[in-house]
Amino acid sequence: MLDKVEKINKSVPIPLYFQLKELILAEIKEGNYKSGDMIPTEKDISDTFQISRTTVRQAITELVQEGWLYRVKSKGTFVSQPKITQEYIRKIESFNDQMYRMGVEPSTEVLELKTMKGMEAGDLVVKALEIAENDSVIFLYRKRMADGEPIVTTKTYLPFSECEFLLTHDLNTEQLYSILSQKEETRIFRIERTVEAIEAKAEDVKLLQMKRGKPIQYFISTGYNAYGKPIEYTLSRYRGDRNKFEVTVFPENKS
């Protein structure tokens, strides 16, 4: 705990608040303070390290802003739940594989699975899947969990003519991309995605167990097979307080 860690070195040209911030962060990352634990008060930390409360407050404020801590009025400062790092933007990987890679137990609940006409699905679906309004599509609505906690809901549309075989599978336990990969013409080869931040709606409050108005990371994805035919159109709503997304950017080659 903080009263047992190495002391702050006042003889080096590193700001005291930054040293304290790194010490607190190290304690969190090492598991000495777990999610929901209350850290010592500003006064206790000030007394322990013989630094001003202003310095302590600056360190804690930055950790709050970065999502490591949160404050509860009249109670104290607590350790936040860690955000789940998603590589959803930069690679094709199933939700289950992402969770297993991070040591988290994934689970899925199918909320709805049915077939409908393109006109019922809407113009955006018809355009994305390059189908006619009278063509049939499969609609798959799922809630995805990490260690039992709701993380994201997804509404997926697939062309019935290519993906009818999906209906014979248990999509509560089987992975969609694994099933699609069983056939060359439905294997996802490339995905185009857009993302925007929106406010949580009543549906999100109920399914993702969050407050209305809180941020949602909203993804629109279209998956194509190796021949450029759209096979999947998915609308994903991620809890903004439980997910973060990593992107790798390379400089443009102007040679």
C-alpha atoms as a PDB file:
ATOM      1  CA  MET A   1       0.000   0.000   0.000  1.00  0.00           C
ATOM      2  CA  LEU A   2       0.987   3.649  -0.303  1.00  0.00           C
ATOM      3  CA  ASP A   3       2.383   3.863   3.204  1.00  0.00           C
ATOM      4  CA  LYS A   4       4.796   1.046   2.383  1.00  0.00           C
ATOM      5  CA  VAL A   5       6.014   2.061  -1.063  1.00  0.00           C
ATOM      6  CA  GLU A   6       9.230   3.882  -1.838  1.00  0.00           C
ATOM      7  CA  LYS A   7       9.322   7.525  -0.846  1.00  0.00           C
ATOM      8  CA  ILE A   8       9.193  10.472  -3.196  1.00  0.00           C
ATOM      9  CA  ASN A   9      12.626  11.767  -4.170  1.00  0.00           C
ATOM     10  CA  LYS A  10      12.674  15.530  -3.697  1.00  0.00           C
ATOM     11  CA  SER A  11      16.243  15.878  -4.984  1.00  0.00           C
ATOM     12  CA  VAL A  12      15.518  14.958  -8.607  1.00  0.00           C
ATOM     13  CA  PRO A  13      14.101  17.349 -11.247  1.00  0.00           C
ATOM     14  CA  ILE A  14      10.847  15.413 -11.582  1.00  0.00           C
ATOM     15  CA  PRO A  15       7.663  17.147 -10.376  1.00  0.00           C
ATOM     16  CA  LEU A  16       6.493  15.792  -7.029  1.00  0.00           C
ATOM     17  CA  TYR A  17       2.910  15.372  -8.210  1.00  0.00           C
ATOM     18  CA  PHE A  18       4.117  13.261 -11.152  1.00  0.00           C
ATOM     19  CA  GLN A  19       6.190  11.017  -8.872  1.00  0.00           C
ATOM     20  CA  LEU A  20       3.161  10.522  -6.625  1.00  0.00           C
ATOM     21  CA  LYS A  21       0.910   9.861  -9.592  1.00  0.00           C
ATOM     22  CA  GLU A  22       3.265   7.138 -10.850  1.00  0.00           C
ATOM     23  CA  LEU A  23       3.459   5.557  -7.383  1.00  0.00           C
ATOM     24  CA  ILE A  24      -0.333   5.392  -7.077  1.00  0.00           C
ATOM     25  CA  LEU A  25      -0.656   4.068 -10.620  1.00  0.00           C
ATOM     26  CA  ALA A  26       1.929   1.359  -9.928  1.00  0.00           C
ATOM     27  CA  GLU A  27      -0.023   0.258  -6.847  1.00  0.00           C
ATOM     28  CA  ILE A  28      -3.187  -0.044  -8.948  1.00  0.00           C
ATOM     29  CA  LYS A  29      -1.498  -1.942 -11.786  1.00  0.00           C
ATOM     30  CA  GLU A  30       0.172  -4.340  -9.343  1.00  0.00           C
ATOM     31  CA  GLY A  31      -3.201  -5.128  -7.775  1.00  0.00           C
ATOM     32  CA  ASN A  32      -2.496  -3.649  -4.366  1.00  0.00           C
ATOM     33  CA  TYR A  33      -5.554  -1.462  -4.917  1.00  0.00           C
ATOM     34  CA  LYS A  34      -8.360  -3.252  -6.708  1.00  0.00           C
ATOM     35  CA  SER A  35     -11.463  -1.978  -8.469  1.00  0.00           C
ATOM     36  CA  GLY A  36     -13.765  -0.339  -5.921  1.00  0.00           C
ATOM     37  CA  ASP A  37     -11.068   0.074  -3.249  1.00  0.00           C
ATOM     38  CA  MET A  38     -10.795   3.474  -1.602  1.00  0.00           C
ATOM     39  CA  ILE A  39      -7.336   5.030  -1.628  1.00  0.00           C
ATOM     40  CA  PRO A  40      -6.013   7.037   1.354  1.00  0.00           C
ATOM     41  CA  THR A  41      -7.293  10.585   1.816  1.00  0.00           C
ATOM     42  CA  GLU A  42      -5.399  13.608   0.532  1.00  0.00           C
ATOM     43  CA  LYS A  43      -4.387  14.406   4.115  1.00  0.00           C
ATOM     44  CA  ASP A  44      -3.097  10.888   4.778  1.00  0.00           C
ATOM     45  CA  ILE A  45      -1.072  10.873   1.560  1.00  0.00           C
ATOM     46  CA  SER A  46       0.238  14.365   2.312  1.00  0.00           C
ATOM     47  CA  ASP A  47       1.364  13.275   5.784  1.00  0.00           C
ATOM     48  CA  THR A  48       2.911  10.028   4.517  1.00  0.00           C
ATOM     49  CA  PHE A  49       5.061  11.653   1.842  1.00  0.00           C
ATOM     50  CA  GLN A  50       5.523  15.045   3.496  1.00  0.00           C
ATOM     51  CA  ILE A  51       4.214  16.953   0.498  1.00  0.00           C
ATOM     52  CA  SER A  52       1.480  19.565   0.149  1.00  0.00           C
ATOM     53  CA  ARG A  53      -2.157  18.633  -0.304  1.00  0.00           C
ATOM     54  CA  THR A  54      -2.162  20.735  -3.474  1.00  0.00           C
ATOM     55  CA  THR A  55       0.466  18.390  -4.909  1.00  0.00           C
ATOM     56  CA  VAL A  56      -1.550  15.357  -3.842  1.00  0.00           C
ATOM     57  CA  ARG A  57      -4.710  16.810  -5.351  1.00  0.00           C
ATOM     58  CA  GLN A  58      -3.000  17.417  -8.690  1.00  0.00           C
ATOM     59  CA  ALA A  59      -1.791  13.809  -8.887  1.00  0.00           C
ATOM     60  CA  ILE A  60      -5.211  12.411  -7.992  1.00  0.00           C
ATOM     61  CA  THR A  61      -7.024  14.751 -10.375  1.00  0.00           C
ATOM     62  CA  GLU A  62      -4.931  13.547 -13.304  1.00  0.00           C
ATOM     63  CA  LEU A  63      -5.618   9.913 -12.406  1.00  0.00           C
ATOM     64  CA  VAL A  64      -9.339  10.712 -12.268  1.00  0.00           C
ATOM     65  CA  GLN A  65      -9.171  12.413 -15.657  1.00  0.00           C
ATOM     66  CA  GLU A  66      -7.361   9.398 -17.115  1.00  0.00           C
ATOM     67  CA  GLY A  67     -10.001   7.023 -15.757  1.00  0.00           C
ATOM     68  CA  TRP A  68      -7.926   5.237 -13.109  1.00  0.00           C
ATOM     69  CA  LEU A  69      -9.774   6.750 -10.141  1.00  0.00           C
ATOM     70  CA  TYR A  70     -13.180   8.275  -9.453  1.00  0.00           C
ATOM     71  CA  ARG A  71     -14.455  10.509  -6.659  1.00  0.00           C
ATOM     72  CA  VAL A  72     -17.611  10.066  -4.584  1.00  0.00           C
ATOM     73  CA  LYS A  73     -18.754  13.202  -2.786  1.00  0.00           C
ATOM     74  CA  SER A  74     -18.417  13.020   1.014  1.00  0.00           C
ATOM     75  CA  LYS A  75     -16.960   9.507   0.769  1.00  0.00           C
ATOM     76  CA  GLY A  76     -13.562   9.541  -0.919  1.00  0.00           C
ATOM     77  CA  THR A  77     -11.605   8.505  -3.988  1.00  0.00           C
ATOM     78  CA  PHE A  78     -11.897   4.990  -5.378  1.00  0.00           C
ATOM     79  CA  VAL A  79     -10.207   2.785  -7.972  1.00  0.00           C
ATOM     80  CA  SER A  80     -12.141   2.543 -11.235  1.00  0.00           C
ATOM     81  CA  GLN A  81     -12.914  -0.630 -13.127  1.00  0.00           C
ATOM     82  CA  PRO A  82     -10.232  -1.186 -15.785  1.00  0.00           C
ATOM     83  CA  LYS A  83     -11.327  -0.514 -19.345  1.00  0.00           C
ATOM     84  CA  ILE A  84     -11.208  -3.370 -21.813  1.00  0.00           C
ATOM     85  CA  THR A  85      -8.723  -2.664 -24.590  1.00  0.00           C
ATOM     86  CA  GLN A  86     -10.255  -3.473 -27.961  1.00  0.00           C
ATOM     87  CA  GLU A  87      -8.348  -3.925 -31.213  1.00  0.00           C
ATOM     88  CA  TYR A  88     -11.691  -3.924 -33.001  1.00  0.00           C
ATOM     89  CA  ILE A  89     -10.622  -1.003 -35.189  1.00  0.00           C
ATOM     90  CA  ARG A  90      -7.393  -2.377 -36.603  1.00  0.00           C
ATOM     91  CA  LYS A  91      -7.852  -6.136 -36.980  1.00  0.00           C
ATOM     92  CA  ILE A  92     -10.466  -8.769 -37.754  1.00  0.00           C
ATOM     93  CA  GLU A  93     -10.909 -10.737 -34.564  1.00  0.00           C
ATOM     94  CA  SER A  94     -13.944 -12.250 -32.890  1.00  0.00           C
ATOM     95  CA  PHE A  95     -15.229 -10.802 -29.623  1.00  0.00           C
ATOM     96  CA  ASN A  96     -14.523 -14.090 -27.853  1.00  0.00           C
ATOM     97  CA  ASP A  97     -10.916 -14.208 -29.045  1.00  0.00           C
ATOM     98  CA  GLN A  98     -10.348 -10.621 -27.889  1.00  0.00           C
ATOM     99  CA  MET A  99     -11.694 -11.400 -24.422  1.00  0.00           C
ATOM    100  CA  TYR A 100      -9.749 -14.647 -24.028  1.00  0.00           C
ATOM    101  CA  ARG A 101      -6.550 -12.873 -25.065  1.00  0.00           C
ATOM    102  CA  MET A 102      -7.062 -10.411 -22.207  1.00  0.00           C
ATOM    103  CA  GLY A 103      -7.874 -13.103 -19.665  1.00  0.00           C
ATOM    104  CA  VAL A 104     -11.576 -12.248 -19.560  1.00  0.00           C
ATOM    105  CA  GLU A 105     -14.422 -14.784 -19.844  1.00  0.00           C
ATOM    106  CA  PRO A 106     -16.754 -13.889 -22.753  1.00  0.00           C
ATOM    107  CA  SER A 107     -20.402 -14.817 -23.076  1.00  0.00           C
ATOM    108  CA  THR A 108     -23.187 -14.014 -25.507  1.00  0.00           C
ATOM    109  CA  GLU A 109     -26.952 -13.718 -25.275  1.00  0.00           C
ATOM    110  CA  VAL A 110     -28.953 -13.788 -28.489  1.00  0.00           C
ATOM    111  CA  LEU A 111     -31.756 -11.263 -28.020  1.00  0.00           C
ATOM    112  CA  GLU A 112     -33.367 -11.837 -31.400  1.00  0.00           C
ATOM    113  CA  LEU A 113     -32.761 -13.942 -34.505  1.00  0.00           C
ATOM    114  CA  LYS A 114     -35.106 -13.771 -37.467  1.00  0.00           C
ATOM    115  CA  THR A 115     -35.410 -13.275 -41.207  1.00  0.00           C
ATOM    116  CA  MET A 116     -36.956 -10.202 -42.812  1.00  0.00           C
ATOM    117  CA  LYS A 117     -37.201  -8.463 -46.148  1.00  0.00           C
ATOM    118  CA  GLY A 118     -34.706  -5.796 -47.105  1.00  0.00           C
ATOM    119  CA  MET A 119     -37.437  -3.147 -47.089  1.00  0.00           C
ATOM    120  CA  GLU A 120     -38.167  -3.987 -43.435  1.00  0.00           C
ATOM    121  CA  ALA A 121     -34.478  -3.814 -42.519  1.00  0.00           C
ATOM    122  CA  GLY A 122     -34.239  -0.353 -44.059  1.00  0.00           C
ATOM    123  CA  ASP A 123     -32.498   1.545 -46.833  1.00  0.00           C
ATOM    124  CA  LEU A 124     -29.110   1.598 -45.083  1.00  0.00           C
ATOM    125  CA  VAL A 125     -29.063  -2.203 -44.838  1.00  0.00           C
ATOM    126  CA  VAL A 126     -30.204  -2.640 -48.449  1.00  0.00           C
ATOM    127  CA  LYS A 127     -27.478  -0.293 -49.646  1.00  0.00           C
ATOM    128  CA  ALA A 128     -24.734  -1.781 -47.435  1.00  0.00           C
ATOM    129  CA  LEU A 129     -25.480  -5.388 -48.426  1.00  0.00           C
ATOM    130  CA  GLU A 130     -26.146  -4.453 -52.066  1.00  0.00           C
ATOM    131  CA  ILE A 131     -29.450  -6.322 -52.134  1.00  0.00           C
ATOM    132  CA  ALA A 132     -32.942  -5.594 -53.415  1.00  0.00           C
ATOM    133  CA  GLU A 133     -35.770  -4.505 -51.120  1.00  0.00           C
ATOM    134  CA  ASN A 134     -37.548  -7.827 -51.653  1.00  0.00           C
ATOM    135  CA  ASP A 135     -34.456  -9.903 -50.873  1.00  0.00           C
ATOM    136  CA  SER A 136     -34.399 -11.629 -47.490  1.00  0.00           C
ATOM    137  CA  VAL A 137     -31.875 -10.862 -44.772  1.00  0.00           C
ATOM    138  CA  ILE A 138     -31.001 -12.512 -41.481  1.00  0.00           C
ATOM    139  CA  PHE A 139     -31.241 -10.216 -38.449  1.00  0.00           C
ATOM    140  CA  LEU A 140     -29.114 -11.159 -35.422  1.00  0.00           C
ATOM    141  CA  TYR A 141     -29.336  -9.065 -32.235  1.00  0.00           C
ATOM    142  CA  ARG A 142     -26.861  -9.956 -29.474  1.00  0.00           C
ATOM    143  CA  LYS A 143     -25.600  -8.762 -26.103  1.00  0.00           C
ATOM    144  CA  ARG A 144     -21.931  -9.535 -25.397  1.00  0.00           C
ATOM    145  CA  MET A 145     -20.520  -9.823 -21.880  1.00  0.00           C
ATOM    146  CA  ALA A 146     -17.075  -9.863 -20.262  1.00  0.00           C
ATOM    147  CA  ASP A 147     -16.951 -11.753 -16.962  1.00  0.00           C
ATOM    148  CA  GLY A 148     -20.737 -11.482 -16.909  1.00  0.00           C
ATOM    149  CA  GLU A 149     -20.794  -7.698 -17.352  1.00  0.00           C
ATOM    150  CA  PRO A 150     -22.540  -6.261 -20.449  1.00  0.00           C
ATOM    151  CA  ILE A 151     -20.004  -4.602 -22.760  1.00  0.00           C
ATOM    152  CA  VAL A 152     -21.654  -4.204 -26.160  1.00  0.00           C
ATOM    153  CA  THR A 153     -24.828  -4.877 -28.111  1.00  0.00           C
ATOM    154  CA  THR A 154     -24.697  -5.703 -31.815  1.00  0.00           C
ATOM    155  CA  LYS A 155     -27.335  -5.725 -34.529  1.00  0.00           C
ATOM    156  CA  THR A 156     -26.079  -7.734 -37.502  1.00  0.00           C
ATOM    157  CA  TYR A 157     -27.688  -8.106 -40.920  1.00  0.00           C
ATOM    158  CA  LEU A 158     -26.594 -10.804 -43.386  1.00  0.00           C
ATOM    159  CA  PRO A 159     -27.883 -11.753 -46.859  1.00  0.00           C
ATOM    160  CA  PHE A 160     -30.146 -14.782 -46.486  1.00  0.00           C
ATOM    161  CA  SER A 161     -29.159 -16.242 -49.855  1.00  0.00           C
ATOM    162  CA  GLU A 162     -25.525 -16.673 -48.767  1.00  0.00           C
ATOM    163  CA  CYS A 163     -25.937 -17.146 -45.012  1.00  0.00           C
ATOM    164  CA  GLU A 164     -29.038 -19.300 -44.542  1.00  0.00           C
ATOM    165  CA  PHE A 165     -26.845 -22.024 -43.008  1.00  0.00           C
ATOM    166  CA  LEU A 166     -26.284 -19.753 -39.971  1.00  0.00           C
ATOM    167  CA  LEU A 167     -29.787 -20.544 -38.765  1.00  0.00           C
ATOM    168  CA  THR A 168     -28.773 -24.130 -37.944  1.00  0.00           C
ATOM    169  CA  HIS A 169     -26.121 -22.958 -35.450  1.00  0.00           C
ATOM    170  CA  ASP A 170     -26.377 -21.933 -31.787  1.00  0.00           C
ATOM    171  CA  LEU A 171     -25.213 -18.327 -31.848  1.00  0.00           C
ATOM    172  CA  ASN A 172     -25.289 -18.112 -28.058  1.00  0.00           C
ATOM    173  CA  THR A 173     -22.235 -20.362 -27.937  1.00  0.00           C
ATOM    174  CA  GLU A 174     -20.741 -20.365 -31.448  1.00  0.00           C
ATOM    175  CA  GLN A 175     -18.750 -17.490 -32.931  1.00  0.00           C
ATOM    176  CA  LEU A 176     -20.270 -15.773 -35.942  1.00  0.00           C
ATOM    177  CA  TYR A 177     -16.984 -15.263 -37.798  1.00  0.00           C
ATOM    178  CA  SER A 178     -15.970 -18.877 -37.225  1.00  0.00           C
ATOM    179  CA  ILE A 179     -19.244 -20.052 -38.743  1.00  0.00           C
ATOM    180  CA  LEU A 180     -18.935 -17.693 -41.699  1.00  0.00           C
ATOM    181  CA  SER A 181     -15.392 -18.947 -42.294  1.00  0.00           C
ATOM    182  CA  GLN A 182     -16.720 -22.437 -43.013  1.00  0.00           C
ATOM    183  CA  LYS A 183     -17.556 -21.318 -46.554  1.00  0.00           C
ATOM    184  CA  GLU A 184     -15.236 -19.460 -48.885  1.00  0.00           C
ATOM    185  CA  GLU A 185     -17.999 -17.192 -50.164  1.00  0.00           C
ATOM    186  CA  THR A 186     -18.964 -16.024 -46.649  1.00  0.00           C
ATOM    187  CA  ARG A 187     -15.538 -15.779 -45.023  1.00  0.00           C
ATOM    188  CA  ILE A 188     -14.926 -12.163 -43.964  1.00  0.00           C
ATOM    189  CA  PHE A 189     -11.828 -10.884 -45.732  1.00  0.00           C
ATOM    190  CA  ARG A 190     -12.102  -7.127 -45.211  1.00  0.00           C
ATOM    191  CA  ILE A 191     -14.112  -4.815 -42.946  1.00  0.00           C
ATOM    192  CA  GLU A 192     -14.866  -1.117 -43.294  1.00  0.00           C
ATOM    193  CA  ARG A 193     -15.772   0.630 -40.031  1.00  0.00           C
ATOM    194  CA  THR A 194     -16.838   4.064 -38.890  1.00  0.00           C
ATOM    195  CA  VAL A 195     -17.107   5.184 -35.270  1.00  0.00           C
ATOM    196  CA  GLU A 196     -18.758   8.063 -33.489  1.00  0.00           C
ATOM    197  CA  ALA A 197     -19.597   9.029 -29.913  1.00  0.00           C
ATOM    198  CA  ILE A 198     -23.304   9.212 -29.072  1.00  0.00           C
ATOM    199  CA  GLU A 199     -25.431   9.350 -25.934  1.00  0.00           C
ATOM    200  CA  ALA A 200     -26.883   6.231 -24.355  1.00  0.00           C
ATOM    201  CA  LYS A 201     -30.595   5.706 -24.991  1.00  0.00           C
ATOM    202  CA  ALA A 202     -33.252   3.816 -23.053  1.00  0.00           C
ATOM    203  CA  GLU A 203     -32.299   0.566 -24.806  1.00  0.00           C
ATOM    204  CA  ASP A 204     -28.655   0.994 -23.738  1.00  0.00           C
ATOM    205  CA  VAL A 205     -29.660   1.763 -20.149  1.00  0.00           C
ATOM    206  CA  LYS A 206     -31.587  -1.494 -19.977  1.00  0.00           C
ATOM    207  CA  LEU A 207     -29.218  -3.828 -21.827  1.00  0.00           C
ATOM    208  CA  LEU A 208     -25.807  -2.375 -20.928  1.00  0.00           C
ATOM    209  CA  GLN A 209     -26.689  -1.389 -17.354  1.00  0.00           C
ATOM    210  CA  MET A 210     -25.619   2.222 -17.716  1.00  0.00           C
ATOM    211  CA  LYS A 211     -27.119   5.660 -17.199  1.00  0.00           C
ATOM    212  CA  ARG A 212     -29.014   7.486 -19.920  1.00  0.00           C
ATOM    213  CA  GLY A 213     -26.937  10.205 -21.545  1.00  0.00           C
ATOM    214  CA  LYS A 214     -23.604   8.501 -20.818  1.00  0.00           C
ATOM    215  CA  PRO A 215     -21.283   7.983 -23.803  1.00  0.00           C
ATOM    216  CA  ILE A 216     -21.682   5.130 -26.261  1.00  0.00           C
ATOM    217  CA  GLN A 217     -19.029   4.219 -28.833  1.00  0.00           C
ATOM    218  CA  TYR A 218     -21.133   3.533 -31.918  1.00  0.00           C
ATOM    219  CA  PHE A 219     -19.596   1.469 -34.718  1.00  0.00           C
ATOM    220  CA  ILE A 220     -20.995   0.815 -38.181  1.00  0.00           C
ATOM    221  CA  SER A 221     -19.218  -2.104 -39.875  1.00  0.00           C
ATOM    222  CA  THR A 222     -19.529  -3.706 -43.288  1.00  0.00           C
ATOM    223  CA  GLY A 223     -17.708  -6.994 -43.848  1.00  0.00           C
ATOM    224  CA  TYR A 224     -16.755  -8.200 -47.327  1.00  0.00           C
ATOM    225  CA  ASN A 225     -15.632 -11.560 -48.676  1.00  0.00           C
ATOM    226  CA  ALA A 226     -12.489 -11.993 -50.775  1.00  0.00           C
ATOM    227  CA  TYR A 227     -14.436 -11.119 -53.929  1.00  0.00           C
ATOM    228  CA  GLY A 228     -15.650  -7.771 -52.599  1.00  0.00           C
ATOM    229  CA  LYS A 229     -19.233  -8.851 -51.901  1.00  0.00           C
ATOM    230  CA  PRO A 230     -20.746  -7.503 -48.644  1.00  0.00           C
ATOM    231  CA  ILE A 231     -21.628 -10.347 -46.280  1.00  0.00           C
ATOM    232  CA  GLU A 232     -22.191  -8.593 -42.948  1.00  0.00           C
ATOM    233  CA  TYR A 233     -23.561  -5.215 -41.841  1.00  0.00           C
ATOM    234  CA  THR A 234     -23.292  -4.617 -38.088  1.00  0.00           C
ATOM    235  CA  LEU A 235     -24.268  -1.782 -35.756  1.00  0.00           C
ATOM    236  CA  SER A 236     -22.368  -2.025 -32.447  1.00  0.00           C
ATOM    237  CA  ARG A 237     -22.990   0.006 -29.296  1.00  0.00           C
ATOM    238  CA  TYR A 238     -20.093  -0.164 -26.807  1.00  0.00           C
ATOM    239  CA  ARG A 239     -20.202   1.159 -23.260  1.00  0.00           C
ATOM    240  CA  GLY A 240     -17.925   4.185 -23.273  1.00  0.00           C
ATOM    241  CA  ASP A 241     -16.935   3.720 -19.628  1.00  0.00           C
ATOM    242  CA  ARG A 242     -15.779   0.117 -20.081  1.00  0.00           C
ATOM    243  CA  ASN A 243     -14.020   0.111 -23.446  1.00  0.00           C
ATOM    244  CA  LYS A 244     -11.133   1.814 -25.150  1.00  0.00           C
ATOM    245  CA  PHE A 245      -9.898   1.277 -28.687  1.00  0.00           C
ATOM    246  CA  GLU A 246      -6.326   1.223 -29.951  1.00  0.00           C
ATOM    247  CA  VAL A 247      -5.291   2.347 -33.430  1.00  0.00           C
ATOM    248  CA  THR A 248      -1.876   2.052 -35.074  1.00  0.00           C
ATOM    249  CA  VAL A 249      -1.072   4.904 -37.468  1.00  0.00           C
ATOM    250  CA  PHE A 250       1.740   4.881 -40.030  1.00  0.00           C
ATOM    251  CA  PRO A 251       3.183   7.943 -41.788  1.00  0.00           C
ATOM    252  CA  GLU A 252       2.069   8.457 -45.363  1.00  0.00           C
ATOM    253  CA  ASN A 253       4.629   7.246 -47.878  1.00  0.00           C
ATOM    254  CA  LYS A 254       5.205  10.193 -50.196  1.00  0.00           C
ATOM    255  CA  SER A 255       8.173   8.732 -52.046  1.00  0.00           C
END
